[in-house]
Amino acid sequence: EGGGEQYEHRPLVKTSVLLCGQFKKGTGVPPKADLITLLGDAGANIVSSVAAMNKELRKTDEDSTLVVLCDDAKSDKQSGITAPLSKAMIAVLENDDSNRRIMVVTYMWLFDSVSCGELLDADNYKPKSPKAKTLWELSTT
């Protein structure tokens, strides 16, 4: 009963998500296509590129959340978080006047948020790459 229907409660409405990393098969990380489907079903706006996320960061719509969803990459090069993206995110995170919610989390945050039916905090979803960790620390303080 109810199979295939859209969720009545979509926990990621007003949330824009950028998938950062390679999400390589055989690494224990879920396929990117599955994450995109789940994000769409949960009501998220999928940000297609780092350039598009930079554009999202410049918007002043304060009633939204921006999420960088990371894979298990341990190096900055593999993480997909570029220097310009990192710089733009730090500027917004350090701006006390901004009410934008920005989160940098591992992909497990998505599964847990959908399972719980709500946008969970980033505290328990620390990424592994140095740049992502720095952004996570800024976003959780």
Protein backbone atom coordinates (compact mmCIF):
# COMPACT_ATOMS: atom_id res chain seq x y z
CA GLU A 1 0.00 0.00 0.00
CA GLY A 2 1.34 3.43 -0.95
CA GLY A 3 4.28 2.00 -2.88
CA GLY A 4 5.91 4.41 -5.29
CA GLU A 5 3.99 7.45 -4.07
CA GLN A 6 5.83 10.62 -3.17
CA TYR A 7 6.53 11.21 0.50
CA GLU A 8 3.80 13.20 2.18
CA HIS A 9 6.43 14.69 4.44
CA ARG A 10 9.48 15.83 2.51
CA PRO A 11 12.21 16.72 5.05
CA LEU A 12 14.54 18.46 2.60
CA VAL A 13 12.19 21.07 1.14
CA LYS A 14 13.96 24.47 0.99
CA THR A 15 17.30 22.64 1.04
CA SER A 16 19.84 22.90 -1.77
CA VAL A 17 22.39 20.07 -1.91
CA LEU A 18 25.71 19.79 -3.75
CA LEU A 19 27.22 16.31 -4.01
CA CYS A 20 30.97 16.66 -3.52
CA GLY A 21 33.36 13.83 -4.21
CA GLN A 22 33.71 11.00 -6.65
CA PHE A 23 31.20 8.51 -5.16
CA LYS A 24 33.17 5.70 -6.82
CA LYS A 25 31.69 2.25 -7.14
CA GLY A 26 33.32 -0.44 -5.05
CA THR A 27 34.30 1.94 -2.23
CA GLY A 28 31.30 1.22 -0.01
CA VAL A 29 29.79 4.60 -0.89
CA PRO A 30 26.29 4.60 -2.41
CA PRO A 31 26.00 5.36 -6.13
CA LYS A 32 25.53 9.04 -6.98
CA ALA A 33 22.36 8.24 -8.97
CA ASP A 34 20.75 6.67 -5.86
CA LEU A 35 21.61 9.72 -3.76
CA ILE A 36 20.15 12.05 -6.41
CA THR A 37 16.92 10.03 -6.48
CA LEU A 38 16.65 10.07 -2.69
CA LEU A 39 17.37 13.82 -2.55
CA GLY A 40 14.67 14.49 -5.14
CA ASP A 41 12.12 12.31 -3.33
CA ALA A 42 12.88 14.14 -0.07
CA GLY A 43 12.21 17.52 -1.70
CA ALA A 44 15.78 18.82 -2.06
CA ASN A 45 16.99 21.10 -4.81
CA ILE A 46 20.04 19.41 -6.34
CA VAL A 47 22.85 21.84 -7.12
CA SER A 48 24.57 20.59 -10.25
CA SER A 49 28.03 22.12 -9.91
CA VAL A 50 30.46 24.01 -7.70
CA ALA A 51 29.78 27.13 -9.82
CA ALA A 52 26.03 26.77 -9.16
CA MET A 53 26.69 26.38 -5.42
CA ASN A 54 28.78 29.57 -5.47
CA LYS A 55 25.75 31.28 -7.03
CA GLU A 56 23.48 29.83 -4.31
CA LEU A 57 25.85 31.17 -1.64
CA ARG A 58 25.45 34.70 -3.00
CA LYS A 59 21.64 34.63 -2.79
CA THR A 60 20.14 36.41 0.18
CA ASP A 61 17.08 34.16 0.55
CA GLU A 62 17.45 33.38 4.21
CA ASP A 63 14.74 30.75 4.46
CA SER A 64 16.82 27.93 3.03
CA THR A 65 19.60 25.53 3.90
CA LEU A 66 22.67 24.79 1.77
CA VAL A 67 24.24 21.36 2.17
CA VAL A 68 27.53 20.01 0.82
CA LEU A 69 27.12 16.23 0.86
CA CYS A 70 30.56 14.55 0.93
CA ASP A 71 31.66 11.04 0.07
CA ASP A 72 34.42 9.26 2.01
CA ALA A 73 37.31 11.10 0.30
CA LYS A 74 40.26 11.62 2.63
CA SER A 75 42.12 14.11 0.41
CA ASP A 76 41.07 17.60 -0.66
CA LYS A 77 41.77 16.75 -4.30
CA GLN A 78 39.26 13.87 -4.25
CA SER A 79 36.71 15.72 -2.11
CA GLY A 80 35.54 17.98 -4.93
CA ILE A 81 35.58 21.05 -2.66
CA THR A 82 37.46 23.65 -4.68
CA ALA A 83 39.41 26.58 -3.24
CA PRO A 84 36.83 29.14 -4.53
CA LEU A 85 33.93 27.13 -3.04
CA SER A 86 35.74 26.80 0.28
CA LYS A 87 36.52 30.53 0.32
CA ALA A 88 32.90 31.48 -0.52
CA MET A 89 31.50 29.16 2.14
CA ILE A 90 33.90 30.45 4.81
CA ALA A 91 32.87 34.04 3.97
CA VAL A 92 29.18 33.19 4.49
CA LEU A 93 29.85 31.08 7.60
CA GLU A 94 31.91 33.85 9.20
CA ASN A 95 29.31 36.53 8.39
CA ASP A 96 27.38 37.01 11.61
CA ASP A 97 24.64 38.91 9.74
CA SER A 98 23.82 35.90 7.59
CA ASN A 99 21.01 33.63 8.73
CA ARG A 100 21.68 31.12 5.97
CA ARG A 101 22.11 27.62 7.29
CA ILE A 102 25.10 25.91 5.70
CA MET A 103 26.03 22.32 6.41
CA VAL A 104 28.96 20.16 5.31
CA VAL A 105 28.21 16.51 6.03
CA THR A 106 28.85 12.94 4.97
CA TYR A 107 26.31 11.10 2.83
CA MET A 108 25.05 9.22 5.92
CA TRP A 109 23.37 12.48 6.99
CA LEU A 110 21.02 12.11 4.01
CA PHE A 111 19.94 8.58 4.95
CA ASP A 112 19.46 9.50 8.59
CA SER A 113 17.55 12.72 7.80
CA VAL A 114 15.18 10.84 5.49
CA SER A 115 14.76 7.98 8.00
CA CYS A 116 13.96 10.45 10.80
CA GLY A 117 11.77 12.60 8.56
CA GLU A 118 13.59 15.80 9.45
CA LEU A 119 16.65 17.86 8.61
CA LEU A 120 19.22 16.64 11.14
CA ASP A 121 22.08 18.72 12.51
CA ALA A 122 25.55 18.23 11.06
CA ASP A 123 27.20 17.41 14.41
CA ASN A 124 27.46 13.63 13.91
CA TYR A 125 28.42 13.67 10.22
CA LYS A 126 32.01 14.95 10.10
CA PRO A 127 33.64 14.52 6.65
CA LYS A 128 37.15 13.15 6.25
CA SER A 129 39.00 15.53 3.89
CA PRO A 130 40.82 18.51 5.49
CA LYS A 131 38.86 21.25 3.64
CA ALA A 132 35.54 19.56 4.35
CA LYS A 133 36.48 19.11 8.04
CA THR A 134 37.33 22.81 8.35
CA LEU A 135 33.99 23.80 6.81
CA TRP A 136 32.17 21.28 8.99
CA GLU A 137 33.82 22.75 12.10
CA LEU A 138 32.82 26.29 11.08
CA SER A 139 29.25 25.21 10.32
CA THR A 140 28.72 23.35 13.61
CA THR A 141 29.95 26.07 15.98
